[in-house]
Amino acid sequence: MTTEVIITGTGSPIPDGNRAGPGVLVRSGDVTMQFDVGRATVPRLAAVGMWNLQLTAVFVTHHHSDHLTGLADLVLSHWVMARGDDFTPMQVVVPKGPAVDYVSEMTNPWRHDIEVRAEHSARSRPVEMELIAFDPPTSPTEVWRCGDVVVSAGPVRHEPVLPAVGYRVSTPDGDVVISGDTRVCDEMAELAAGADVLVYEAMLFDVIRQGPPFRYFILDYHADTNLIGAQAAELGVPTLVLTHLIPAPANNLAPALGSAVTEQHYVDQIRANGYTGDLLVAKDLDKVVLEAGSAPRIERQG
């Protein structure tokens, strides 16, 4: 058995024709888990063979729209693709708070579509989800389990967005940590200690500071690439994956900020702060493969 970590979306709220919204798919044996569901997640899942959308569970880190806009599409597509009433509701795991309200209400605007589809196809079961809401943790805490796969949630620092969590996925092949949106903080260090793969949101603070002051507020609650490098080095994580890239390499925003950003900008800052492990500045559908007894293996797409 192997575990695959596939970055389904590396983008941010800034539209980018080459980058879907934030998301990570983890496949461990028959267990398939999607962490966050940004815009265009469904076609990205189809591109890796998940056309029938038979996910075991979906996990939400926080209620920012760029992490959630693809969730209604995912849930509705899952229902539409089902064969009549032979339908298993999708598990959606969410920290208690505003994200629960969103998930509970997100299909309501589609009720007329759902009604006409159900009537036309003679289906008696409407769109359903199994909502699993957990109390926001103060330290890493198990929130979900399926066979040998355990998912724990831990607090991260994304104020004023509360709650916000990261996730740790423990599999027979190794442990994967997904930051969600956060500053570099002690809470992330606790969640990621001993992990094999660390998927971290990343921002080039120095580039953002070259741009207009009205953008500076985003520095309050995102992860400085320099600090990521220092933290990953201290933790000794074997494989570091950067995603949710702001600004994204080759994004049209980069010239407006006075810098033609490339992947090398991210690499240079990570390396300058002491990290010597395997590093992936991710594009959509890049993956890391874990096998028990072997080092994680990076596989780039294209």
C-alpha atoms as a PDB file:
ATOM      1  CA  MET A   1       0.000   0.000   0.000  1.00  0.00           C
ATOM      2  CA  THR A   2       1.102   3.564  -0.664  1.00  0.00           C
ATOM      3  CA  THR A   3      -0.149   6.974   0.381  1.00  0.00           C
ATOM      4  CA  GLU A   4      -0.392   9.774  -2.177  1.00  0.00           C
ATOM      5  CA  VAL A   5      -0.535  13.468  -1.323  1.00  0.00           C
ATOM      6  CA  ILE A   6      -1.886  15.295  -4.390  1.00  0.00           C
ATOM      7  CA  ILE A   7      -2.083  19.086  -4.398  1.00  0.00           C
ATOM      8  CA  THR A   8      -5.426  19.698  -6.113  1.00  0.00           C
ATOM      9  CA  GLY A   9      -5.113  23.466  -5.936  1.00  0.00           C
ATOM     10  CA  THR A  10      -2.199  25.808  -5.238  1.00  0.00           C
ATOM     11  CA  GLY A  11      -3.988  29.117  -5.705  1.00  0.00           C
ATOM     12  CA  SER A  12      -5.419  31.809  -3.474  1.00  0.00           C
ATOM     13  CA  PRO A  13      -8.271  34.305  -3.733  1.00  0.00           C
ATOM     14  CA  ILE A  14      -6.375  35.877  -6.674  1.00  0.00           C
ATOM     15  CA  PRO A  15      -7.754  34.303  -9.901  1.00  0.00           C
ATOM     16  CA  ASP A  16      -5.156  32.325 -11.826  1.00  0.00           C
ATOM     17  CA  GLY A  17      -5.888  30.329 -14.964  1.00  0.00           C
ATOM     18  CA  ASN A  18      -3.307  27.706 -14.033  1.00  0.00           C
ATOM     19  CA  ARG A  19      -4.108  27.266 -10.347  1.00  0.00           C
ATOM     20  CA  ALA A  20      -7.279  25.960  -8.729  1.00  0.00           C
ATOM     21  CA  GLY A  21      -8.274  27.107  -5.272  1.00  0.00           C
ATOM     22  CA  PRO A  22      -6.648  25.565  -2.201  1.00  0.00           C
ATOM     23  CA  GLY A  23      -6.977  21.835  -1.736  1.00  0.00           C
ATOM     24  CA  VAL A  24      -5.073  18.642  -0.947  1.00  0.00           C
ATOM     25  CA  LEU A  25      -6.156  15.083  -1.733  1.00  0.00           C
ATOM     26  CA  VAL A  26      -4.687  12.305   0.417  1.00  0.00           C
ATOM     27  CA  ARG A  27      -5.205   8.726  -0.803  1.00  0.00           C
ATOM     28  CA  SER A  28      -4.131   5.907   1.494  1.00  0.00           C
ATOM     29  CA  GLY A  29      -5.209   2.552   0.184  1.00  0.00           C
ATOM     30  CA  ASP A  30      -8.988   2.746  -0.234  1.00  0.00           C
ATOM     31  CA  VAL A  31      -9.308   5.808   2.012  1.00  0.00           C
ATOM     32  CA  THR A  32      -9.615   9.069   0.067  1.00  0.00           C
ATOM     33  CA  MET A  33      -9.673  12.416   1.862  1.00  0.00           C
ATOM     34  CA  GLN A  34      -9.961  15.943   0.460  1.00  0.00           C
ATOM     35  CA  PHE A  35      -8.693  18.822   2.612  1.00  0.00           C
ATOM     36  CA  ASP A  36     -10.311  22.136   1.652  1.00  0.00           C
ATOM     37  CA  VAL A  37     -12.242  22.571  -1.572  1.00  0.00           C
ATOM     38  CA  GLY A  38     -11.344  25.764  -3.429  1.00  0.00           C
ATOM     39  CA  ARG A  39     -12.584  26.791  -6.854  1.00  0.00           C
ATOM     40  CA  ALA A  40     -12.184  24.170  -9.632  1.00  0.00           C
ATOM     41  CA  THR A  41     -11.491  21.299  -7.223  1.00  0.00           C
ATOM     42  CA  VAL A  42     -13.926  18.976  -8.997  1.00  0.00           C
ATOM     43  CA  PRO A  43     -12.115  19.050 -12.367  1.00  0.00           C
ATOM     44  CA  ARG A  44      -8.794  18.595 -10.577  1.00  0.00           C
ATOM     45  CA  LEU A  45     -10.167  15.488  -8.858  1.00  0.00           C
ATOM     46  CA  ALA A  46     -11.412  14.197 -12.202  1.00  0.00           C
ATOM     47  CA  ALA A  47      -7.908  14.663 -13.607  1.00  0.00           C
ATOM     48  CA  VAL A  48      -6.513  12.178 -11.048  1.00  0.00           C
ATOM     49  CA  GLY A  49      -9.171   9.542 -11.635  1.00  0.00           C
ATOM     50  CA  MET A  50     -11.722  10.729  -9.074  1.00  0.00           C
ATOM     51  CA  TRP A  51     -14.403  11.393 -11.697  1.00  0.00           C
ATOM     52  CA  ASN A  52     -17.037   9.566  -9.649  1.00  0.00           C
ATOM     53  CA  LEU A  53     -16.146  11.694  -6.585  1.00  0.00           C
ATOM     54  CA  GLN A  54     -16.303   8.733  -4.217  1.00  0.00           C
ATOM     55  CA  LEU A  55     -14.384  10.456  -1.465  1.00  0.00           C
ATOM     56  CA  THR A  56     -14.341   8.884   1.965  1.00  0.00           C
ATOM     57  CA  ALA A  57     -14.426  12.294   3.653  1.00  0.00           C
ATOM     58  CA  VAL A  58     -13.874  16.013   3.147  1.00  0.00           C
ATOM     59  CA  PHE A  59     -12.174  18.208   5.759  1.00  0.00           C
ATOM     60  CA  VAL A  60     -12.525  21.981   6.163  1.00  0.00           C
ATOM     61  CA  THR A  61      -9.823  24.113   7.785  1.00  0.00           C
ATOM     62  CA  HIS A  62     -11.748  27.411   8.152  1.00  0.00           C
ATOM     63  CA  HIS A  63     -14.542  29.463   6.621  1.00  0.00           C
ATOM     64  CA  HIS A  64     -12.655  31.690   4.174  1.00  0.00           C
ATOM     65  CA  SER A  65     -14.436  31.535   0.815  1.00  0.00           C
ATOM     66  CA  ASP A  66     -11.374  30.592  -1.258  1.00  0.00           C
ATOM     67  CA  HIS A  67     -11.168  27.329   0.706  1.00  0.00           C
ATOM     68  CA  LEU A  68     -14.876  26.529   0.368  1.00  0.00           C
ATOM     69  CA  THR A  69     -16.273  27.748  -2.950  1.00  0.00           C
ATOM     70  CA  GLY A  70     -15.800  24.328  -4.552  1.00  0.00           C
ATOM     71  CA  LEU A  71     -17.577  22.406  -1.800  1.00  0.00           C
ATOM     72  CA  ALA A  72     -21.129  22.917  -3.083  1.00  0.00           C
ATOM     73  CA  ASP A  73     -19.922  21.850  -6.532  1.00  0.00           C
ATOM     74  CA  LEU A  74     -18.322  18.749  -5.017  1.00  0.00           C
ATOM     75  CA  VAL A  75     -21.384  17.717  -3.005  1.00  0.00           C
ATOM     76  CA  LEU A  76     -23.853  18.417  -5.826  1.00  0.00           C
ATOM     77  CA  SER A  77     -21.685  16.648  -8.416  1.00  0.00           C
ATOM     78  CA  HIS A  78     -21.339  13.660  -6.089  1.00  0.00           C
ATOM     79  CA  TRP A  79     -25.139  13.419  -5.912  1.00  0.00           C
ATOM     80  CA  VAL A  80     -25.694  13.993  -9.638  1.00  0.00           C
ATOM     81  CA  MET A  81     -23.157  11.272 -10.513  1.00  0.00           C
ATOM     82  CA  ALA A  82     -24.865   8.724  -8.243  1.00  0.00           C
ATOM     83  CA  ARG A  83     -26.976   5.942  -9.715  1.00  0.00           C
ATOM     84  CA  GLY A  84     -30.476   6.705  -8.595  1.00  0.00           C
ATOM     85  CA  ASP A  85     -30.944   6.185  -4.874  1.00  0.00           C
ATOM     86  CA  ASP A  86     -27.783   4.101  -4.552  1.00  0.00           C
ATOM     87  CA  PHE A  87     -26.058   6.974  -2.832  1.00  0.00           C
ATOM     88  CA  THR A  88     -23.694   7.238   0.117  1.00  0.00           C
ATOM     89  CA  PRO A  89     -23.758  10.704   1.704  1.00  0.00           C
ATOM     90  CA  MET A  90     -20.384  12.385   1.752  1.00  0.00           C
ATOM     91  CA  GLN A  91     -18.800  12.912   5.173  1.00  0.00           C
ATOM     92  CA  VAL A  92     -17.829  16.547   5.724  1.00  0.00           C
ATOM     93  CA  VAL A  93     -15.647  17.167   8.794  1.00  0.00           C
ATOM     94  CA  VAL A  94     -15.712  20.753  10.060  1.00  0.00           C
ATOM     95  CA  PRO A  95     -14.634  22.684  13.181  1.00  0.00           C
ATOM     96  CA  LYS A  96     -17.682  24.064  14.998  1.00  0.00           C
ATOM     97  CA  GLY A  97     -18.283  27.683  14.084  1.00  0.00           C
ATOM     98  CA  PRO A  98     -19.149  29.651  10.925  1.00  0.00           C
ATOM     99  CA  ALA A  99     -17.994  26.883   8.575  1.00  0.00           C
ATOM    100  CA  VAL A 100     -20.711  24.609   9.989  1.00  0.00           C
ATOM    101  CA  ASP A 101     -23.334  27.229   9.105  1.00  0.00           C
ATOM    102  CA  TYR A 102     -21.994  27.458   5.569  1.00  0.00           C
ATOM    103  CA  VAL A 103     -21.902  23.707   5.021  1.00  0.00           C
ATOM    104  CA  SER A 104     -25.406  23.300   6.459  1.00  0.00           C
ATOM    105  CA  GLU A 105     -26.854  25.990   4.196  1.00  0.00           C
ATOM    106  CA  MET A 106     -24.787  25.821   1.006  1.00  0.00           C
ATOM    107  CA  THR A 107     -27.169  23.641  -1.032  1.00  0.00           C
ATOM    108  CA  ASN A 108     -30.258  25.705  -0.174  1.00  0.00           C
ATOM    109  CA  PRO A 109     -29.868  28.060  -3.171  1.00  0.00           C
ATOM    110  CA  TRP A 110     -29.847  24.971  -5.402  1.00  0.00           C
ATOM    111  CA  ARG A 111     -33.071  23.500  -4.011  1.00  0.00           C
ATOM    112  CA  HIS A 112     -35.040  24.079  -7.251  1.00  0.00           C
ATOM    113  CA  ASP A 113     -32.304  22.412  -9.294  1.00  0.00           C
ATOM    114  CA  ILE A 114     -32.227  19.513  -6.847  1.00  0.00           C
ATOM    115  CA  GLU A 115     -36.022  19.135  -6.957  1.00  0.00           C
ATOM    116  CA  VAL A 116     -36.266  19.063 -10.744  1.00  0.00           C
ATOM    117  CA  ARG A 117     -33.337  16.657 -11.095  1.00  0.00           C
ATOM    118  CA  ALA A 118     -34.807  14.326  -8.472  1.00  0.00           C
ATOM    119  CA  GLU A 119     -38.243  14.374 -10.104  1.00  0.00           C
ATOM    120  CA  HIS A 120     -36.915  13.961 -13.633  1.00  0.00           C
ATOM    121  CA  SER A 121     -34.731  10.988 -12.664  1.00  0.00           C
ATOM    122  CA  ALA A 122     -37.308   9.439 -10.299  1.00  0.00           C
ATOM    123  CA  ARG A 123     -35.007   9.748  -7.305  1.00  0.00           C
ATOM    124  CA  SER A 124     -36.486   9.810  -3.821  1.00  0.00           C
ATOM    125  CA  ARG A 125     -33.307  10.806  -1.986  1.00  0.00           C
ATOM    126  CA  PRO A 126     -32.260  14.451  -2.117  1.00  0.00           C
ATOM    127  CA  VAL A 127     -28.735  15.759  -1.712  1.00  0.00           C
ATOM    128  CA  GLU A 128     -27.415  14.563   1.639  1.00  0.00           C
ATOM    129  CA  MET A 129     -24.226  15.020   3.636  1.00  0.00           C
ATOM    130  CA  GLU A 130     -23.014  13.518   6.856  1.00  0.00           C
ATOM    131  CA  LEU A 131     -21.826  16.598   8.711  1.00  0.00           C
ATOM    132  CA  ILE A 132     -19.257  15.811  11.405  1.00  0.00           C
ATOM    133  CA  ALA A 133     -18.625  18.919  13.525  1.00  0.00           C
ATOM    134  CA  PHE A 134     -15.929  18.924  16.184  1.00  0.00           C
ATOM    135  CA  ASP A 135     -15.031  21.320  18.967  1.00  0.00           C
ATOM    136  CA  PRO A 136     -12.090  23.536  17.957  1.00  0.00           C
ATOM    137  CA  PRO A 137      -9.088  21.913  19.649  1.00  0.00           C
ATOM    138  CA  THR A 138      -6.502  23.606  21.824  1.00  0.00           C
ATOM    139  CA  SER A 139      -3.879  20.999  20.877  1.00  0.00           C
ATOM    140  CA  PRO A 140      -3.731  18.236  18.245  1.00  0.00           C
ATOM    141  CA  THR A 141      -6.773  16.023  18.752  1.00  0.00           C
ATOM    142  CA  GLU A 142      -8.140  13.045  16.825  1.00  0.00           C
ATOM    143  CA  VAL A 143     -11.312  14.044  14.944  1.00  0.00           C
ATOM    144  CA  TRP A 144     -11.796  11.176  12.450  1.00  0.00           C
ATOM    145  CA  ARG A 145     -10.698   7.610  11.857  1.00  0.00           C
ATOM    146  CA  CYS A 146     -11.157   5.061   9.096  1.00  0.00           C
ATOM    147  CA  GLY A 147      -9.351   1.766   9.511  1.00  0.00           C
ATOM    148  CA  ASP A 148      -5.624   2.458   9.888  1.00  0.00           C
ATOM    149  CA  VAL A 149      -5.975   6.123   8.901  1.00  0.00           C
ATOM    150  CA  VAL A 150      -6.367   8.701  11.671  1.00  0.00           C
ATOM    151  CA  VAL A 151      -6.914  12.439  11.164  1.00  0.00           C
ATOM    152  CA  SER A 152      -6.149  14.896  13.950  1.00  0.00           C
ATOM    153  CA  ALA A 153      -6.888  18.612  13.989  1.00  0.00           C
ATOM    154  CA  GLY A 154      -4.781  21.245  15.688  1.00  0.00           C
ATOM    155  CA  PRO A 155      -5.240  24.987  16.185  1.00  0.00           C
ATOM    156  CA  VAL A 156      -3.438  27.403  13.868  1.00  0.00           C
ATOM    157  CA  ARG A 157      -3.061  31.202  13.968  1.00  0.00           C
ATOM    158  CA  HIS A 158      -5.254  32.819  11.326  1.00  0.00           C
ATOM    159  CA  GLU A 159      -6.867  35.536  13.406  1.00  0.00           C
ATOM    160  CA  PRO A 160      -9.255  37.262  13.005  1.00  0.00           C
ATOM    161  CA  VAL A 161     -10.625  34.101  11.358  1.00  0.00           C
ATOM    162  CA  LEU A 162     -11.767  31.835  14.189  1.00  0.00           C
ATOM    163  CA  PRO A 163     -11.705  28.925  14.392  1.00  0.00           C
ATOM    164  CA  ALA A 164      -8.973  27.809  12.016  1.00  0.00           C
ATOM    165  CA  VAL A 165      -7.282  24.419  12.116  1.00  0.00           C
ATOM    166  CA  GLY A 166      -4.607  22.396  10.391  1.00  0.00           C
ATOM    167  CA  TYR A 167      -4.794  18.630   9.976  1.00  0.00           C
ATOM    168  CA  ARG A 168      -2.421  15.730  10.535  1.00  0.00           C
ATOM    169  CA  VAL A 169      -3.119  12.524   8.597  1.00  0.00           C
ATOM    170  CA  SER A 170      -1.516   9.433  10.122  1.00  0.00           C
ATOM    171  CA  THR A 171      -1.297   6.442   7.788  1.00  0.00           C
ATOM    172  CA  PRO A 172       0.657   3.164   7.788  1.00  0.00           C
ATOM    173  CA  ASP A 173       3.049   4.829   5.303  1.00  0.00           C
ATOM    174  CA  GLY A 174       3.740   7.972   7.314  1.00  0.00           C
ATOM    175  CA  ASP A 175       2.279  11.235   8.555  1.00  0.00           C
ATOM    176  CA  VAL A 176       1.173  14.208   6.477  1.00  0.00           C
ATOM    177  CA  VAL A 177       0.445  17.654   7.942  1.00  0.00           C
ATOM    178  CA  ILE A 178      -1.640  20.268   6.098  1.00  0.00           C
ATOM    179  CA  SER A 179      -1.444  23.791   7.484  1.00  0.00           C
ATOM    180  CA  GLY A 180      -4.540  25.433   6.066  1.00  0.00           C
ATOM    181  CA  ASP A 181      -4.123  29.209   6.415  1.00  0.00           C
ATOM    182  CA  THR A 182      -1.893  30.323   9.276  1.00  0.00           C
ATOM    183  CA  ARG A 183       1.008  32.367  10.475  1.00  0.00           C
ATOM    184  CA  VAL A 184       4.158  30.441  11.287  1.00  0.00           C
ATOM    185  CA  CYS A 185       3.564  29.656  14.947  1.00  0.00           C
ATOM    186  CA  ASP A 186       4.236  27.282  17.812  1.00  0.00           C
ATOM    187  CA  GLU A 187       0.895  25.595  17.187  1.00  0.00           C
ATOM    188  CA  MET A 188       2.058  24.548  13.716  1.00  0.00           C
ATOM    189  CA  ALA A 189       5.310  23.236  15.175  1.00  0.00           C
ATOM    190  CA  GLU A 190       3.359  21.069  17.614  1.00  0.00           C
ATOM    191  CA  LEU A 191       1.098  19.719  14.879  1.00  0.00           C
ATOM    192  CA  ALA A 192       3.996  18.997  12.497  1.00  0.00           C
ATOM    193  CA  ALA A 193       6.532  17.491  14.905  1.00  0.00           C
ATOM    194  CA  GLY A 194       7.764  14.169  13.517  1.00  0.00           C
ATOM    195  CA  ALA A 195       5.747  14.406  10.287  1.00  0.00           C
ATOM    196  CA  ASP A 196       7.060  12.983   7.020  1.00  0.00           C
ATOM    197  CA  VAL A 197       5.430  15.556   4.727  1.00  0.00           C
ATOM    198  CA  LEU A 198       4.484  19.127   5.641  1.00  0.00           C
ATOM    199  CA  VAL A 199       2.152  21.004   3.274  1.00  0.00           C
ATOM    200  CA  TYR A 200       2.424  24.701   4.154  1.00  0.00           C
ATOM    201  CA  GLU A 201       0.758  27.796   2.773  1.00  0.00           C
ATOM    202  CA  ALA A 202       3.451  30.310   1.742  1.00  0.00           C
ATOM    203  CA  MET A 203       3.673  34.047   1.128  1.00  0.00           C
ATOM    204  CA  LEU A 204       6.606  36.185  -0.002  1.00  0.00           C
ATOM    205  CA  PHE A 205       6.347  38.968   2.559  1.00  0.00           C
ATOM    206  CA  ASP A 206       9.111  41.025   0.959  1.00  0.00           C
ATOM    207  CA  VAL A 207       7.293  41.029  -2.389  1.00  0.00           C
ATOM    208  CA  ILE A 208       3.966  42.001  -0.817  1.00  0.00           C
ATOM    209  CA  ARG A 209       5.704  44.923   0.913  1.00  0.00           C
ATOM    210  CA  GLN A 210       6.800  46.226  -2.501  1.00  0.00           C
ATOM    211  CA  GLY A 211       3.170  46.631  -3.475  1.00  0.00           C
ATOM    212  CA  PRO A 212       0.404  49.040  -2.468  1.00  0.00           C
ATOM    213  CA  PRO A 213      -0.173  49.509   1.278  1.00  0.00           C
ATOM    214  CA  PHE A 214      -3.834  48.508   1.048  1.00  0.00           C
ATOM    215  CA  ARG A 215      -2.624  44.919   0.585  1.00  0.00           C
ATOM    216  CA  TYR A 216      -0.478  44.857   3.710  1.00  0.00           C
ATOM    217  CA  PHE A 217      -3.258  43.528   5.942  1.00  0.00           C
ATOM    218  CA  ILE A 218      -2.749  40.056   4.455  1.00  0.00           C
ATOM    219  CA  LEU A 219       0.642  39.931   6.164  1.00  0.00           C
ATOM    220  CA  ASP A 220      -1.208  39.672   9.485  1.00  0.00           C
ATOM    221  CA  TYR A 221      -2.393  36.112   9.068  1.00  0.00           C
ATOM    222  CA  HIS A 222      -0.327  34.242   6.509  1.00  0.00           C
ATOM    223  CA  ALA A 223       2.965  32.343   6.608  1.00  0.00           C
ATOM    224  CA  ASP A 224       6.213  34.168   5.785  1.00  0.00           C
ATOM    225  CA  THR A 225       8.316  31.915   3.548  1.00  0.00           C
ATOM    226  CA  ASN A 226      11.471  32.840   5.473  1.00  0.00           C
ATOM    227  CA  LEU A 227       9.914  31.703   8.748  1.00  0.00           C
ATOM    228  CA  ILE A 228       8.608  28.512   7.137  1.00  0.00           C
ATOM    229  CA  GLY A 229      12.155  27.622   6.133  1.00  0.00           C
ATOM    230  CA  ALA A 230      13.461  28.187   9.642  1.00  0.00           C
ATOM    231  CA  GLN A 231      10.628  26.211  11.274  1.00  0.00           C
ATOM    232  CA  ALA A 232      10.871  23.292   8.842  1.00  0.00           C
ATOM    233  CA  ALA A 233      14.632  23.160   9.427  1.00  0.00           C
ATOM    234  CA  GLU A 234      14.157  23.083  13.185  1.00  0.00           C
ATOM    235  CA  LEU A 235      11.530  20.352  12.906  1.00  0.00           C
ATOM    236  CA  GLY A 236      13.637  18.296  10.507  1.00  0.00           C
ATOM    237  CA  VAL A 237      10.650  17.474   8.288  1.00  0.00           C
ATOM    238  CA  PRO A 238      11.933  15.327   5.388  1.00  0.00           C
ATOM    239  CA  THR A 239       9.644  16.812   2.719  1.00  0.00           C
ATOM    240  CA  LEU A 240       8.212  20.343   2.591  1.00  0.00           C
ATOM    241  CA  VAL A 241       5.511  21.333   0.086  1.00  0.00           C
ATOM    242  CA  LEU A 242       4.603  24.989  -0.461  1.00  0.00           C
ATOM    243  CA  THR A 243       1.117  25.834  -1.706  1.00  0.00           C
ATOM    244  CA  HIS A 244      -1.502  28.649  -1.575  1.00  0.00           C
ATOM    245  CA  LEU A 245       1.315  30.708  -3.103  1.00  0.00           C
ATOM    246  CA  ILE A 246       1.008  34.491  -2.757  1.00  0.00           C
ATOM    247  CA  PRO A 247       2.027  35.775  -5.173  1.00  0.00           C
ATOM    248  CA  ALA A 248       1.998  32.707  -7.388  1.00  0.00           C
ATOM    249  CA  PRO A 249       4.889  32.321  -9.802  1.00  0.00           C
ATOM    250  CA  ALA A 250       4.000  33.856 -13.172  1.00  0.00           C
ATOM    251  CA  ASN A 251       0.731  35.272 -11.809  1.00  0.00           C
ATOM    252  CA  ASN A 252      -0.344  38.557 -13.388  1.00  0.00           C
ATOM    253  CA  LEU A 253      -0.241  40.163  -9.949  1.00  0.00           C
ATOM    254  CA  ALA A 254       3.525  39.821  -9.707  1.00  0.00           C
ATOM    255  CA  PRO A 255       4.487  42.743 -12.019  1.00  0.00           C
ATOM    256  CA  ALA A 256       2.070  45.013 -10.138  1.00  0.00           C
ATOM    257  CA  LEU A 257       4.030  44.228  -6.989  1.00  0.00           C
ATOM    258  CA  GLY A 258       7.279  45.209  -8.664  1.00  0.00           C
ATOM    259  CA  SER A 259       8.671  41.699  -8.944  1.00  0.00           C
ATOM    260  CA  ALA A 260       8.561  38.965 -11.570  1.00  0.00           C
ATOM    261  CA  VAL A 261       8.076  36.136  -9.084  1.00  0.00           C
ATOM    262  CA  THR A 262       9.366  32.659  -9.897  1.00  0.00           C
ATOM    263  CA  GLU A 263       9.495  29.368  -8.000  1.00  0.00           C
ATOM    264  CA  GLN A 264      13.144  30.149  -7.301  1.00  0.00           C
ATOM    265  CA  HIS A 265      12.130  33.079  -5.081  1.00  0.00           C
ATOM    266  CA  TYR A 266      10.427  30.593  -2.763  1.00  0.00           C
ATOM    267  CA  VAL A 267      13.278  28.104  -2.966  1.00  0.00           C
ATOM    268  CA  ASP A 268      15.889  30.747  -2.155  1.00  0.00           C
ATOM    269  CA  GLN A 269      14.083  31.930   0.984  1.00  0.00           C
ATOM    270  CA  ILE A 270      13.475  28.403   2.258  1.00  0.00           C
ATOM    271  CA  ARG A 271      17.109  27.385   1.711  1.00  0.00           C
ATOM    272  CA  ALA A 272      18.520  30.632   3.105  1.00  0.00           C
ATOM    273  CA  ASN A 273      16.820  29.828   6.411  1.00  0.00           C
ATOM    274  CA  GLY A 274      18.413  26.443   6.843  1.00  0.00           C
ATOM    275  CA  TYR A 275      15.997  23.898   5.380  1.00  0.00           C
ATOM    276  CA  THR A 276      17.885  21.157   3.536  1.00  0.00           C
ATOM    277  CA  GLY A 277      15.182  18.541   3.005  1.00  0.00           C
ATOM    278  CA  ASP A 278      13.214  17.801  -0.158  1.00  0.00           C
ATOM    279  CA  LEU A 279      11.307  20.897  -1.269  1.00  0.00           C
ATOM    280  CA  LEU A 280       8.377  21.235  -3.663  1.00  0.00           C
ATOM    281  CA  VAL A 281       7.000  24.628  -4.718  1.00  0.00           C
ATOM    282  CA  ALA A 282       3.795  23.054  -5.923  1.00  0.00           C
ATOM    283  CA  LYS A 283       1.832  23.348  -9.096  1.00  0.00           C
ATOM    284  CA  ASP A 284      -1.639  21.843  -9.346  1.00  0.00           C
ATOM    285  CA  LEU A 285      -1.580  18.025  -9.355  1.00  0.00           C
ATOM    286  CA  ASP A 286       1.999  17.706  -8.142  1.00  0.00           C
ATOM    287  CA  LYS A 287       2.199  14.840  -5.659  1.00  0.00           C
ATOM    288  CA  VAL A 288       4.268  13.228  -2.939  1.00  0.00           C
ATOM    289  CA  VAL A 289       4.203   9.438  -2.573  1.00  0.00           C
ATOM    290  CA  LEU A 290       4.829   7.742   0.767  1.00  0.00           C
ATOM    291  CA  GLU A 291       5.681   4.070   1.202  1.00  0.00           C
ATOM    292  CA  ALA A 292       6.462   2.485   4.540  1.00  0.00           C
ATOM    293  CA  GLY A 293      10.204   2.164   5.013  1.00  0.00           C
ATOM    294  CA  SER A 294      11.083   4.590   2.196  1.00  0.00           C
ATOM    295  CA  ALA A 295      11.664   8.318   1.998  1.00  0.00           C
ATOM    296  CA  PRO A 296       8.780  10.359   0.528  1.00  0.00           C
ATOM    297  CA  ARG A 297       9.043  10.729  -3.250  1.00  0.00           C
ATOM    298  CA  ILE A 298       8.089  13.907  -5.127  1.00  0.00           C
ATOM    299  CA  GLU A 299       6.375  13.493  -8.508  1.00  0.00           C
ATOM    300  CA  ARG A 300       5.880  16.672 -10.553  1.00  0.00           C
ATOM    301  CA  GLN A 301       3.237  16.985 -13.259  1.00  0.00           C
ATOM    302  CA  GLY A 302       4.451  18.244 -16.635  1.00  0.00           C
END
